[in-house]
Amino acid sequence: MTLFGIDAVADAVEAALRAVESGENPSERRLFDFKEEAGRRGGHGEVRPGSPHNEAAAKKLAEEAACMANTPGGGALIVGIANDGTPVGADLDADWLQVRLFQLLHQAYTTVIYPAEVRGTRVLIIRCPPAVEPIRWQNRITWRVGDQCQDVDPATWHERRSRAWGYDWSAQSSGIQPVQARAQAVQIARDFLQNSGVPRAEDLAGSSDEDLLRRLAVIKDDGTLTNAGALLFAGRRAAALDYIRRPGAAADSEERLNEPGRSVLEELAEIFTSVRAYNPEVHVEQGLVISRVRALPERAVREAIVNGIAHREWVDEGPTTVEHIGRTLRVTSPGGFYGGVRSDNIINHPPVSRNKDLSQLLATLRIAERQGVGVDRMFADMIRYGHPLPVIEEIDGVAVRTVLAGERPDLGWIEWLAGISPDPRRDLRVLMVLHRLSVQRWTDPADLAPVLQLTVEESRQAVERLADHHRAGHPVCHEIDGTPSAAPVPSIAIDVATFDSLTALRREAGAAGRVPSREQVARDYARARGRISTTELASILGAQRTNVGTVLQELERQGELAPSRANRRGAGFYYRYVGDGD
């Protein structure tokens, strides 16, 4: 099963299956190996029925998959064929096995599993792409030497991996000639370049077809298209994108775009058009200026879709799924995170892509932001419009899902941000701190660190940037009074007049927004800081100390707070957080 005809592992697997179909037993197994499901052989060698959730088989295959993963170029396991080439069948459930292997390999490696048939018998193909870091099984690192797995020390593995680091599937030859590029795809590429407004891109758009492809660096020295070029201009058998439009959750689909045989550029252009048609414009007034914005930020929408193409695992022939449900966009792409990227570091992780040439090609065509910038822009645009933060998560190592959710732009928030000086909209970290303050009214570097995906010290610097920001003559925030002088990190609260102006603007726009209650503010602050006093709570809320004491007394009655001293008197008295009745 190959995308374009040049995939050494896939070609070896196909050749092996053809050999077994003909009754032969291939002896050259450098790129693949035959495996049986553990526990199915009886005492006399007979093959017994298997189970779709065979834990013993999964553990044995995890060991073999780790070995293949550590081998330069990766490999494949053909499950359900005996060592002598006899098909014995595979009863394992492919989806269960894929998730179980991910779990057994410490959630650090993703395989691609699909069924095949040989001589009327079901077998499973486990594709094992080359690992970025050594995959250990029972604290050992193994790789294939010839057709056997052997131990290797970490230093040797890294030295060999560093020599092969330049490997990029998307940069390899596809075996497809440039004349097979579809005319529609070439024209779409010209349109993207022409509409970018960048002089160099506009000049590139005017090139001849062959010169355009060469200047885009998608033609190899042997005259064939790269895999990236073949994807974008020539297409593949199966659709790369599957777009589904529904008016709401659980509703019937109103539109489905899933057409095989086309180029990815054609698929992208059609899906961009469809998403735009169902992403209505909203008028925004800022002083005397009236502008129009989309319900979901167009740049964020485009980045989410393009990232699902650029960074996915192309060994898996399944499509990148784009679900447009109401005003929510959900993009799910095959393959887990790559190169150390995780949900909790994706904003600031150094640029990394399993398909570097493809990512660069999409950036050159001005379809996506340059590598390493797109995720930042996605977060910034969603915050600027007052939407929830994007959710980008790995699903059992099998796929990555990005969710952009938002019923309509928060017009009060948009106007509020526009009135802050200096302009916070150009600094993602400042935007994220303001967003946090608007939600809970206070924050500190320890609270912000997981939100900003930074260290506490880096988060402290983000807090300090807000010190000179004002709105309508009022500071945006202030340090909270009453915190212990020895407190490890400073805490800040949003200025009450500034917060009230946001609430008023939202009310005028017809969307009041959620204002946390005094009790909720006190509970969250005490839980995070381990303590709270009437001075601290009054400073957060912009109220008098005498007016907030009852809030803390109620939390004490509920068992969440306890007094720091029995007489409840004297300077420095505060409440300790003791949890929900503990």
Protein backbone atom coordinates (compact mmCIF):
# COMPACT_ATOMS: atom_id res chain seq x y z
CA MET A 1 0.00 0.00 0.00
CA THR A 2 1.90 3.03 -1.26
CA LEU A 3 0.95 6.64 -1.81
CA PHE A 4 2.77 7.25 -5.06
CA GLY A 5 4.88 4.17 -5.79
CA ILE A 6 8.13 4.87 -3.88
CA ASP A 7 7.93 3.59 -0.31
CA ALA A 8 10.52 0.91 0.36
CA VAL A 9 8.72 -0.56 3.37
CA ALA A 10 5.30 -0.63 1.69
CA ASP A 11 6.79 -2.10 -1.47
CA ALA A 12 8.52 -4.82 0.59
CA VAL A 13 5.24 -5.65 2.36
CA GLU A 14 3.33 -5.87 -0.92
CA ALA A 15 6.02 -8.09 -2.44
CA ALA A 16 5.92 -10.36 0.64
CA LEU A 17 2.13 -10.71 0.46
CA ARG A 18 2.34 -11.54 -3.24
CA ALA A 19 4.98 -14.17 -2.51
CA VAL A 20 2.87 -15.80 0.23
CA GLU A 21 -0.15 -15.70 -2.08
CA SER A 22 1.90 -17.70 -4.57
CA GLY A 23 2.95 -20.24 -1.94
CA GLU A 24 6.47 -18.87 -1.51
CA ASN A 25 8.28 -17.89 1.69
CA PRO A 26 10.42 -14.75 1.19
CA SER A 27 13.80 -15.07 2.88
CA GLU A 28 14.78 -11.38 2.67
CA ARG A 29 13.02 -9.76 5.62
CA ARG A 30 15.13 -6.71 6.37
CA LEU A 31 12.21 -4.25 6.16
CA PHE A 32 9.44 -6.50 7.52
CA ASP A 33 8.87 -9.61 9.57
CA PHE A 34 6.15 -12.26 9.87
CA LYS A 35 4.54 -12.63 13.32
CA GLU A 36 1.90 -14.81 14.92
CA GLU A 37 -0.41 -13.71 17.72
CA ALA A 38 1.02 -14.99 20.99
CA GLY A 39 -0.94 -17.70 22.80
CA ARG A 40 -2.64 -19.26 19.77
CA ARG A 41 -0.43 -22.31 19.30
CA GLY A 42 -1.59 -25.48 21.06
CA GLY A 43 0.64 -28.17 22.53
CA HIS A 44 0.78 -30.08 19.24
CA GLY A 45 1.37 -26.97 17.12
CA GLU A 46 -2.24 -26.47 16.08
CA VAL A 47 -3.53 -22.89 15.70
CA ARG A 48 -6.36 -22.14 18.11
CA PRO A 49 -8.96 -19.36 17.77
CA GLY A 50 -7.69 -15.93 18.79
CA SER A 51 -9.15 -12.96 20.61
CA PRO A 52 -9.66 -9.37 19.39
CA HIS A 53 -8.16 -8.13 22.70
CA ASN A 54 -5.23 -10.49 23.18
CA GLU A 55 -3.01 -8.79 25.80
CA ALA A 56 -0.16 -11.32 25.48
CA ALA A 57 -0.04 -10.76 21.73
CA ALA A 58 -0.10 -6.98 22.18
CA LYS A 59 2.88 -7.09 24.55
CA LYS A 60 4.91 -9.28 22.22
CA LEU A 61 4.09 -7.05 19.24
CA ALA A 62 4.99 -3.95 21.28
CA GLU A 63 8.48 -5.38 21.76
CA GLU A 64 8.80 -6.08 18.03
CA ALA A 65 7.36 -2.67 17.07
CA ALA A 66 9.91 -0.90 19.30
CA CYS A 67 12.70 -2.73 17.51
CA MET A 68 11.35 -1.74 14.09
CA ALA A 69 10.82 1.86 15.24
CA ASN A 70 14.44 2.19 16.37
CA THR A 71 15.72 0.92 13.02
CA PRO A 72 16.70 3.64 10.51
CA GLY A 73 13.85 3.88 8.01
CA GLY A 74 11.45 1.93 10.23
CA GLY A 75 9.74 -1.22 9.01
CA ALA A 76 6.58 -3.31 9.24
CA LEU A 77 5.22 -6.35 11.03
CA ILE A 78 2.89 -8.69 9.13
CA VAL A 79 0.75 -10.34 11.80
CA GLY A 80 -0.99 -13.60 10.96
CA ILE A 81 1.70 -15.34 8.90
CA ALA A 82 3.91 -18.04 10.41
CA ASN A 83 7.68 -17.94 10.09
CA ASP A 84 7.52 -20.54 7.30
CA GLY A 85 5.21 -18.30 5.27
CA THR A 86 1.95 -20.09 6.08
CA PRO A 87 -1.05 -17.79 6.63
CA VAL A 88 -2.57 -18.57 10.05
CA GLY A 89 -4.73 -15.45 10.37
CA ALA A 90 -4.98 -12.51 12.76
CA ASP A 91 -7.96 -12.07 15.08
CA LEU A 92 -6.76 -8.90 16.85
CA ASP A 93 -8.94 -5.81 16.54
CA ALA A 94 -6.83 -3.26 14.62
CA ASP A 95 -8.16 -0.18 16.44
CA TRP A 96 -7.72 -1.75 19.86
CA LEU A 97 -4.22 -2.91 19.01
CA GLN A 98 -3.15 0.51 17.76
CA VAL A 99 -4.21 2.17 21.01
CA ARG A 100 -2.77 -0.65 23.14
CA LEU A 101 0.64 -0.45 21.44
CA PHE A 102 0.70 3.30 22.08
CA GLN A 103 0.00 2.66 25.76
CA LEU A 104 2.53 -0.15 26.09
CA LEU A 105 5.24 1.98 24.47
CA HIS A 106 4.86 4.63 27.18
CA GLN A 107 2.68 6.89 24.99
CA ALA A 108 5.80 7.86 23.04
CA TYR A 109 5.25 6.17 19.69
CA THR A 110 2.43 5.72 17.18
CA THR A 111 2.05 2.84 14.74
CA VAL A 112 -0.24 2.61 11.71
CA ILE A 113 -2.28 -0.61 11.47
CA TYR A 114 -4.48 -1.83 8.64
CA PRO A 115 -5.87 -5.23 7.57
CA ALA A 116 -5.01 -7.15 4.42
CA GLU A 117 -5.95 -10.54 2.99
CA VAL A 118 -3.69 -13.31 1.70
CA ARG A 119 -4.96 -16.67 0.45
CA GLY A 120 -8.37 -15.85 1.92
CA THR A 121 -6.94 -15.20 5.37
CA ARG A 122 -7.07 -11.91 7.30
CA VAL A 123 -3.71 -10.50 8.36
CA LEU A 124 -2.70 -7.19 9.95
CA ILE A 125 0.04 -4.86 8.73
CA ILE A 126 1.70 -2.81 11.49
CA ARG A 127 3.67 0.03 9.93
CA CYS A 128 6.42 1.32 12.22
CA PRO A 129 7.74 4.74 11.12
CA PRO A 130 11.29 5.62 12.27
CA ALA A 131 11.32 6.95 15.84
CA VAL A 132 12.52 10.44 16.75
CA GLU A 133 13.86 9.25 20.13
CA PRO A 134 14.81 5.65 21.02
CA ILE A 135 11.79 3.56 22.00
CA ARG A 136 12.53 1.35 25.00
CA TRP A 137 10.96 -1.97 25.84
CA GLN A 138 11.67 -3.26 29.37
CA ASN A 139 14.46 -0.69 29.60
CA ARG A 140 16.23 -2.03 26.50
CA ILE A 141 16.83 -0.36 23.14
CA THR A 142 16.90 -2.75 20.20
CA TRP A 143 17.04 -2.36 16.43
CA ARG A 144 17.18 -4.67 13.45
CA VAL A 145 20.47 -5.85 12.10
CA GLY A 146 19.62 -7.80 8.98
CA ASP A 147 16.44 -9.62 9.94
CA GLN A 148 17.12 -9.89 13.69
CA CYS A 149 16.61 -7.52 16.63
CA GLN A 150 19.78 -6.73 18.57
CA ASP A 151 20.57 -4.51 21.55
CA VAL A 152 22.08 -1.09 20.88
CA ASP A 153 23.40 1.49 23.35
CA PRO A 154 21.83 5.00 23.38
CA ALA A 155 25.02 6.73 22.19
CA THR A 156 25.25 4.53 19.10
CA TRP A 157 21.54 4.96 18.39
CA HIS A 158 21.77 8.77 18.58
CA GLU A 159 24.93 8.86 16.46
CA ARG A 160 23.21 6.79 13.75
CA ARG A 161 20.01 8.80 14.06
CA SER A 162 21.88 12.12 13.74
CA ARG A 163 23.37 10.93 10.45
CA ALA A 164 19.88 10.07 9.17
CA TRP A 165 18.18 13.14 10.66
CA GLY A 166 17.83 14.81 7.31
CA TYR A 167 15.32 12.19 6.18
CA ASP A 168 11.98 13.72 5.30
CA TRP A 169 9.28 11.63 3.66
CA SER A 170 7.74 14.65 1.97
CA ALA A 171 11.09 15.48 0.28
CA GLN A 172 11.53 12.01 -1.27
CA SER A 173 10.79 11.20 -4.89
CA SER A 174 7.20 10.18 -5.60
CA GLY A 175 8.00 8.57 -8.95
CA ILE A 176 5.42 10.88 -10.54
CA GLN A 177 6.37 13.09 -13.48
CA PRO A 178 5.66 16.85 -13.43
CA VAL A 179 3.40 16.48 -16.49
CA GLN A 180 1.00 14.59 -14.19
CA ALA A 181 0.39 17.76 -12.16
CA ARG A 182 -3.27 18.66 -12.51
CA ALA A 183 -3.97 21.95 -14.29
CA GLN A 184 -6.59 22.90 -11.68
CA ALA A 185 -4.03 22.45 -8.91
CA VAL A 186 -1.44 24.63 -10.66
CA GLN A 187 -4.03 27.37 -11.15
CA ILE A 188 -5.05 27.21 -7.49
CA ALA A 189 -1.39 27.57 -6.51
CA ARG A 190 -1.17 30.68 -8.70
CA ASP A 191 -4.32 32.08 -7.08
CA PHE A 192 -2.94 31.61 -3.55
CA LEU A 193 0.31 33.32 -4.54
CA GLN A 194 -1.42 36.15 -6.42
CA ASN A 195 -3.84 36.87 -3.58
CA SER A 196 -1.10 36.97 -0.93
CA GLY A 197 -0.20 40.60 -1.64
CA VAL A 198 3.50 39.71 -1.35
CA PRO A 199 5.51 40.97 -4.37
CA ARG A 200 7.81 37.94 -4.53
CA ALA A 201 4.83 35.60 -4.37
CA GLU A 202 3.04 37.54 -7.12
CA ASP A 203 6.15 37.29 -9.28
CA LEU A 204 6.26 33.54 -8.68
CA ALA A 205 2.62 33.25 -9.73
CA GLY A 206 3.51 34.57 -13.18
CA SER A 207 5.99 31.75 -13.92
CA SER A 208 5.37 29.05 -16.50
CA ASP A 209 4.02 25.76 -15.17
CA GLU A 210 7.38 23.97 -15.19
CA ASP A 211 9.25 26.99 -13.85
CA LEU A 212 6.64 27.39 -11.09
CA LEU A 213 7.13 23.79 -9.96
CA ARG A 214 10.91 24.11 -10.06
CA ARG A 215 10.92 27.36 -8.12
CA LEU A 216 8.65 25.74 -5.56
CA ALA A 217 11.37 23.05 -5.23
CA VAL A 218 9.00 20.15 -5.84
CA ILE A 219 10.99 18.63 -8.73
CA LYS A 220 13.82 16.28 -7.79
CA ASP A 221 17.14 15.95 -9.62
CA ASP A 222 15.78 12.82 -11.34
CA GLY A 223 12.96 14.94 -12.81
CA THR A 224 10.16 13.50 -10.65
CA LEU A 225 7.91 15.32 -8.19
CA THR A 226 8.65 15.12 -4.49
CA ASN A 227 6.03 13.45 -2.32
CA ALA A 228 4.99 16.93 -1.14
CA GLY A 229 4.66 18.09 -4.75
CA ALA A 230 2.70 14.99 -5.73
CA LEU A 231 0.30 15.47 -2.81
CA LEU A 232 -0.42 19.11 -3.59
CA PHE A 233 -0.40 18.97 -7.40
CA ALA A 234 -1.06 15.38 -8.56
CA GLY A 235 -3.25 13.93 -5.82
CA ARG A 236 -3.55 10.34 -4.65
CA ARG A 237 -6.02 7.46 -4.81
CA ALA A 238 -7.86 8.27 -1.59
CA ALA A 239 -9.16 11.69 -0.56
CA ALA A 240 -6.74 13.49 1.75
CA LEU A 241 -9.55 15.49 3.39
CA ASP A 242 -13.03 14.52 4.52
CA TYR A 243 -15.21 17.59 5.20
CA ILE A 244 -18.55 17.23 6.99
CA ARG A 245 -20.91 20.14 7.63
CA ARG A 246 -23.69 19.86 10.22
CA PRO A 247 -25.93 22.68 11.53
CA GLY A 248 -25.61 21.33 15.08
CA ALA A 249 -24.48 18.39 17.17
CA ALA A 250 -26.21 15.11 16.28
CA ALA A 251 -27.88 16.75 13.26
CA ASP A 252 -27.78 15.22 9.79
CA SER A 253 -24.94 16.39 7.57
CA GLU A 254 -25.80 19.16 5.12
CA GLU A 255 -22.63 18.83 3.06
CA ARG A 256 -19.93 16.20 2.57
CA LEU A 257 -16.73 16.73 0.57
CA ASN A 258 -14.71 13.56 0.10
CA GLU A 259 -13.61 13.04 -3.49
CA PRO A 260 -10.65 10.77 -4.29
CA GLY A 261 -8.25 11.28 -7.19
CA ARG A 262 -7.81 15.02 -6.76
CA SER A 263 -4.86 17.07 -5.55
CA VAL A 264 -4.70 18.35 -2.00
CA LEU A 265 -4.72 21.92 -3.34
CA GLU A 266 -8.09 21.28 -5.01
CA GLU A 267 -9.47 19.74 -1.83
CA LEU A 268 -8.20 22.61 0.33
CA ALA A 269 -9.60 25.31 -1.98
CA GLU A 270 -13.06 23.69 -2.02
CA ILE A 271 -13.13 23.20 1.75
CA PHE A 272 -11.93 26.77 2.43
CA THR A 273 -14.81 28.01 0.24
CA SER A 274 -17.37 25.84 2.03
CA VAL A 275 -16.19 26.79 5.53
CA ARG A 276 -16.29 30.46 4.57
CA ALA A 277 -19.86 30.14 3.31
CA TYR A 278 -20.98 28.84 6.72
CA ASN A 279 -18.84 31.26 8.75
CA PRO A 280 -20.98 34.43 8.77
CA GLU A 281 -19.68 37.97 9.09
CA VAL A 282 -20.36 40.13 12.15
CA HIS A 283 -20.20 43.94 12.16
CA VAL A 284 -17.87 45.48 14.73
CA GLU A 285 -18.00 49.19 15.64
CA GLN A 286 -14.87 50.81 17.06
CA GLY A 287 -15.50 54.52 17.40
CA LEU A 288 -16.41 55.85 13.95
CA VAL A 289 -14.98 52.80 12.20
CA ILE A 290 -17.21 49.85 11.30
CA SER A 291 -15.45 46.65 10.31
CA ARG A 292 -16.57 43.11 9.61
CA VAL A 293 -15.15 39.94 11.09
CA ARG A 294 -16.06 36.30 10.69
CA ALA A 295 -17.72 34.35 13.49
CA LEU A 296 -14.59 32.20 13.66
CA PRO A 297 -11.29 33.90 12.73
CA GLU A 298 -10.47 32.92 9.16
CA ARG A 299 -6.74 32.71 9.74
CA ALA A 300 -7.25 30.38 12.72
CA VAL A 301 -9.63 28.20 10.68
CA ARG A 302 -7.15 27.96 7.82
CA GLU A 303 -4.24 27.15 10.14
CA ALA A 304 -6.21 24.38 11.87
CA ILE A 305 -7.06 22.74 8.55
CA VAL A 306 -3.61 23.16 7.00
CA ASN A 307 -1.85 21.88 10.13
CA GLY A 308 -3.95 18.75 9.78
CA ILE A 309 -2.35 18.28 6.36
CA ALA A 310 1.20 19.50 7.02
CA HIS A 311 2.06 17.60 10.21
CA ARG A 312 0.09 14.38 9.86
CA GLU A 313 1.43 10.86 9.31
CA TRP A 314 1.14 10.15 5.58
CA VAL A 315 1.99 6.45 5.97
CA ASP A 316 -1.62 6.25 7.17
CA GLU A 317 -3.83 6.62 4.10
CA GLY A 318 -6.86 7.68 6.12
CA PRO A 319 -8.11 11.24 5.53
CA THR A 320 -7.74 14.31 7.70
CA THR A 321 -11.29 14.87 8.94
CA VAL A 322 -12.76 18.38 9.11
CA GLU A 323 -16.04 18.57 11.02
CA HIS A 324 -17.86 21.92 10.81
CA ILE A 325 -20.60 21.69 13.41
CA GLY A 326 -22.55 24.91 13.94
CA ARG A 327 -19.86 27.51 14.75
CA THR A 328 -17.32 24.89 15.87
CA LEU A 329 -14.53 23.47 13.73
CA ARG A 330 -12.90 20.16 14.64
CA VAL A 331 -9.92 18.86 12.65
CA THR A 332 -8.62 15.33 13.28
CA SER A 333 -5.46 14.16 11.52
CA PRO A 334 -3.76 10.73 11.47
CA GLY A 335 -0.64 10.29 13.59
CA GLY A 336 0.18 11.48 17.09
CA PHE A 337 2.36 14.41 18.11
CA TYR A 338 5.90 14.41 16.74
CA GLY A 339 9.35 15.45 17.88
CA GLY A 340 8.54 16.13 21.53
CA VAL A 341 5.46 18.29 20.92
CA ARG A 342 2.66 17.82 23.48
CA SER A 343 -0.61 19.52 24.31
CA ASP A 344 1.06 21.33 27.21
CA ASN A 345 4.01 22.76 25.23
CA ILE A 346 2.66 23.24 21.72
CA ILE A 347 2.55 27.06 21.90
CA ASN A 348 6.25 27.54 22.62
CA HIS A 349 7.87 24.31 21.39
CA PRO A 350 10.61 24.90 18.79
CA PRO A 351 9.37 24.34 15.22
CA VAL A 352 9.33 20.65 14.27
CA SER A 353 7.51 18.76 11.54
CA ARG A 354 7.59 15.18 10.33
CA ASN A 355 7.04 16.65 6.82
CA LYS A 356 9.44 19.61 6.61
CA ASP A 357 9.28 20.04 2.82
CA LEU A 358 5.50 19.85 2.79
CA SER A 359 5.25 22.43 5.59
CA GLN A 360 7.64 24.75 3.75
CA LEU A 361 5.76 24.31 0.47
CA LEU A 362 2.45 25.27 2.10
CA ALA A 363 4.14 28.35 3.61
CA THR A 364 5.72 29.33 0.27
CA LEU A 365 2.30 29.14 -1.38
CA ARG A 366 1.03 31.45 1.38
CA ILE A 367 -1.56 28.86 2.38
CA ALA A 368 -0.16 28.58 5.91
CA GLU A 369 2.01 30.62 8.24
CA ARG A 370 5.70 29.85 8.25
CA GLN A 371 6.59 26.89 10.43
CA GLY A 372 6.40 27.59 14.14
CA VAL A 373 4.12 30.63 13.85
CA GLY A 374 0.75 29.14 12.94
CA VAL A 375 -0.17 27.82 16.39
CA ASP A 376 0.72 31.17 17.99
CA ARG A 377 -1.52 33.00 15.51
CA MET A 378 -4.35 30.52 16.06
CA PHE A 379 -4.34 31.17 19.81
CA ALA A 380 -3.95 34.94 19.38
CA ASP A 381 -6.82 35.25 16.89
CA MET A 382 -9.20 33.19 19.01
CA ILE A 383 -8.43 35.34 22.07
CA ARG A 384 -8.76 38.61 20.13
CA TYR A 385 -12.27 37.61 19.12
CA GLY A 386 -13.20 36.58 22.68
CA HIS A 387 -13.49 32.87 21.93
CA PRO A 388 -12.30 29.98 24.13
CA LEU A 389 -8.68 28.97 23.67
CA PRO A 390 -8.06 26.37 20.93
CA VAL A 391 -7.88 22.78 22.13
CA ILE A 392 -5.10 20.75 20.49
CA GLU A 393 -4.83 17.25 21.90
CA GLU A 394 -3.46 13.83 21.08
CA ILE A 395 -5.96 10.98 20.93
CA ASP A 396 -4.31 7.79 22.21
CA GLY A 397 -1.27 8.47 20.02
CA VAL A 398 -3.41 7.62 16.99
CA ALA A 399 -4.42 11.12 15.91
CA VAL A 400 -4.24 14.81 16.78
CA ARG A 401 -7.46 16.80 17.16
CA THR A 402 -7.77 20.59 17.01
CA VAL A 403 -11.01 22.25 18.13
CA LEU A 404 -11.97 25.89 17.50
CA ALA A 405 -15.23 26.77 19.25
CA GLY A 406 -17.18 30.01 19.32
CA GLU A 407 -20.81 30.93 18.72
CA ARG A 408 -20.08 34.54 17.82
CA PRO A 409 -17.31 37.09 18.45
CA ASP A 410 -17.45 38.81 21.84
CA LEU A 411 -18.01 42.37 20.58
CA GLY A 412 -17.66 43.91 24.05
CA TRP A 413 -14.32 42.18 24.54
CA ILE A 414 -13.10 43.28 21.08
CA GLU A 415 -13.92 46.92 21.86
CA TRP A 416 -12.42 46.64 25.35
CA LEU A 417 -9.13 45.32 24.01
CA ALA A 418 -9.00 48.08 21.39
CA GLY A 419 -9.12 50.70 24.16
CA ILE A 420 -6.06 49.40 26.03
CA SER A 421 -2.74 51.16 25.54
CA PRO A 422 -0.17 50.05 24.55
CA ASP A 423 -2.01 47.72 22.16
CA PRO A 424 -2.05 44.23 23.75
CA ARG A 425 -3.26 42.49 20.59
CA ARG A 426 0.26 42.16 19.20
CA ASP A 427 1.59 40.18 22.16
CA LEU A 428 0.16 36.70 22.65
CA ARG A 429 1.40 36.39 26.22
CA VAL A 430 -0.16 39.69 27.27
CA LEU A 431 -3.39 38.66 25.55
CA MET A 432 -3.43 35.38 27.46
CA VAL A 433 -2.82 37.13 30.79
CA LEU A 434 -5.69 39.55 30.08
CA HIS A 435 -7.92 36.64 29.12
CA ARG A 436 -7.08 34.90 32.41
CA LEU A 437 -7.78 38.06 34.41
CA SER A 438 -11.11 38.55 32.69
CA VAL A 439 -12.17 35.02 33.63
CA GLN A 440 -11.16 34.85 37.31
CA ARG A 441 -10.19 38.47 38.16
CA TRP A 442 -6.76 37.57 39.58
CA THR A 443 -3.69 35.58 38.60
CA ASP A 444 -0.04 35.02 39.43
CA PRO A 445 2.96 33.47 37.64
CA ALA A 446 2.34 30.01 39.14
CA ASP A 447 -1.29 30.13 38.01
CA LEU A 448 -0.27 31.34 34.54
CA ALA A 449 2.60 28.92 33.91
CA PRO A 450 0.46 26.01 32.63
CA VAL A 451 -1.80 28.40 30.70
CA LEU A 452 1.08 30.17 28.93
CA GLN A 453 3.04 26.89 28.75
CA LEU A 454 6.04 28.65 30.30
CA THR A 455 8.14 28.41 33.44
CA VAL A 456 7.03 30.39 36.49
CA GLU A 457 9.87 32.86 35.94
CA GLU A 458 8.88 33.41 32.29
CA SER A 459 5.27 33.87 33.40
CA ARG A 460 6.45 36.49 35.92
CA GLN A 461 7.92 38.46 33.01
CA ALA A 462 4.58 38.27 31.18
CA VAL A 463 2.83 39.67 34.27
CA GLU A 464 5.34 42.52 34.50
CA ARG A 465 4.58 43.56 30.90
CA LEU A 466 1.07 44.55 32.02
CA ALA A 467 2.38 47.12 34.51
CA ASP A 468 2.32 49.98 31.98
CA HIS A 469 -1.00 49.09 30.29
CA HIS A 470 -3.94 51.44 30.85
CA ARG A 471 -7.53 51.87 29.69
CA ALA A 472 -9.44 55.14 29.97
CA GLY A 473 -6.93 56.46 32.48
CA HIS A 474 -7.10 53.38 34.72
CA PRO A 475 -4.36 50.78 35.09
CA VAL A 476 -5.29 47.38 33.72
CA CYS A 477 -4.15 45.60 36.86
CA HIS A 478 -2.55 46.08 40.27
CA GLU A 479 -0.71 43.95 42.81
CA ILE A 480 -2.98 42.39 45.39
CA ASP A 481 -2.74 43.94 48.85
CA GLY A 482 -2.18 41.83 51.92
CA THR A 483 -0.09 39.07 50.36
CA PRO A 484 2.79 37.89 52.58
CA SER A 485 6.03 39.72 51.89
CA ALA A 486 7.78 36.35 51.65
CA ALA A 487 5.32 35.02 49.06
CA PRO A 488 7.27 33.18 46.32
CA VAL A 489 5.41 34.85 43.43
CA PRO A 490 3.51 38.15 43.17
CA SER A 491 -0.22 38.07 42.55
CA ILE A 492 -2.20 40.63 40.55
CA ALA A 493 -5.85 41.53 40.10
CA ILE A 494 -7.64 43.27 37.29
CA ASP A 495 -8.45 46.89 38.18
CA VAL A 496 -12.10 47.13 39.24
CA ALA A 497 -12.88 50.12 36.98
CA THR A 498 -11.24 48.35 34.03
CA PHE A 499 -13.16 45.15 34.78
CA ASP A 500 -16.43 47.06 35.15
CA SER A 501 -15.87 48.69 31.76
CA LEU A 502 -15.55 45.24 30.17
CA THR A 503 -18.76 44.10 31.85
CA ALA A 504 -20.58 47.22 30.63
CA LEU A 505 -19.35 46.86 27.05
CA ARG A 506 -20.46 43.25 26.96
CA ARG A 507 -23.86 44.22 28.31
CA GLU A 508 -24.24 46.91 25.62
CA ALA A 509 -23.36 44.32 22.96
CA GLY A 510 -26.08 42.01 24.26
CA ALA A 511 -23.72 39.45 25.78
CA ALA A 512 -23.20 39.94 29.50
CA GLY A 513 -20.49 37.31 29.83
CA ARG A 514 -19.76 35.27 32.93
CA VAL A 515 -18.81 37.28 36.01
CA PRO A 516 -17.44 35.02 38.78
CA SER A 517 -19.16 35.34 42.13
CA ARG A 518 -17.28 36.66 45.16
CA GLU A 519 -17.38 33.17 46.66
CA GLN A 520 -15.90 31.61 43.51
CA VAL A 521 -13.12 34.21 43.34
CA ALA A 522 -12.27 33.59 47.00
CA ARG A 523 -12.35 29.81 46.61
CA ASP A 524 -10.11 29.78 43.51
CA TYR A 525 -7.61 32.19 45.04
CA ALA A 526 -7.41 30.29 48.33
CA ARG A 527 -7.08 26.94 46.58
CA ALA A 528 -4.20 28.21 44.42
CA ARG A 529 -2.39 30.25 47.07
CA GLY A 530 -3.13 28.06 50.08
CA ARG A 531 -4.50 31.05 52.01
CA ILE A 532 -6.67 34.16 51.79
CA SER A 533 -7.42 37.19 53.97
CA THR A 534 -10.12 39.85 53.89
CA THR A 535 -7.45 42.32 52.73
CA GLU A 536 -6.55 40.13 49.73
CA LEU A 537 -10.15 39.43 48.74
CA ALA A 538 -11.11 43.10 49.09
CA SER A 539 -8.15 44.09 46.91
CA ILE A 540 -9.22 41.65 44.17
CA LEU A 541 -12.86 42.75 44.24
CA GLY A 542 -12.28 46.48 44.77
CA ALA A 543 -14.43 46.32 47.92
CA GLN A 544 -14.10 47.23 51.59
CA ARG A 545 -12.61 44.63 53.94
CA THR A 546 -15.66 44.84 56.16
CA ASN A 547 -17.89 43.85 53.22
CA VAL A 548 -16.12 40.61 52.27
CA GLY A 549 -15.66 38.95 55.68
CA THR A 550 -18.96 37.08 55.39
CA VAL A 551 -17.75 35.45 52.14
CA LEU A 552 -14.79 33.86 53.90
CA GLN A 553 -16.91 32.92 56.90
CA GLU A 554 -19.31 31.07 54.61
CA LEU A 555 -16.43 29.14 53.02
CA GLU A 556 -15.25 28.27 56.54
CA ARG A 557 -18.74 27.01 57.36
CA GLN A 558 -18.61 24.81 54.25
CA GLY A 559 -15.34 23.30 55.45
CA GLU A 560 -13.10 24.81 52.78
CA LEU A 561 -11.28 27.36 54.95
CA ALA A 562 -9.89 27.28 58.47
CA PRO A 563 -8.74 30.28 60.59
CA SER A 564 -4.99 30.71 61.02
CA ARG A 565 -5.50 31.48 64.72
CA ALA A 566 -8.34 30.69 67.09
CA ASN A 567 -9.05 34.25 68.32
CA ARG A 568 -9.42 35.52 64.71
CA ARG A 569 -7.79 38.81 65.67
CA GLY A 570 -4.66 40.80 65.08
CA ALA A 571 -2.57 41.92 62.15
CA GLY A 572 -1.81 39.21 59.65
CA PHE A 573 -4.86 37.05 60.39
CA TYR A 574 -5.87 34.93 57.43
CA TYR A 575 -7.67 31.73 56.49
CA ARG A 576 -5.91 28.54 55.38
CA TYR A 577 -7.35 26.53 52.51
CA VAL A 578 -8.18 23.01 53.73
CA GLY A 579 -10.14 21.69 50.76
CA ASP A 580 -13.72 20.57 50.35
CA GLY A 581 -14.48 19.59 53.91
CA ASP A 582 -11.15 17.76 54.47
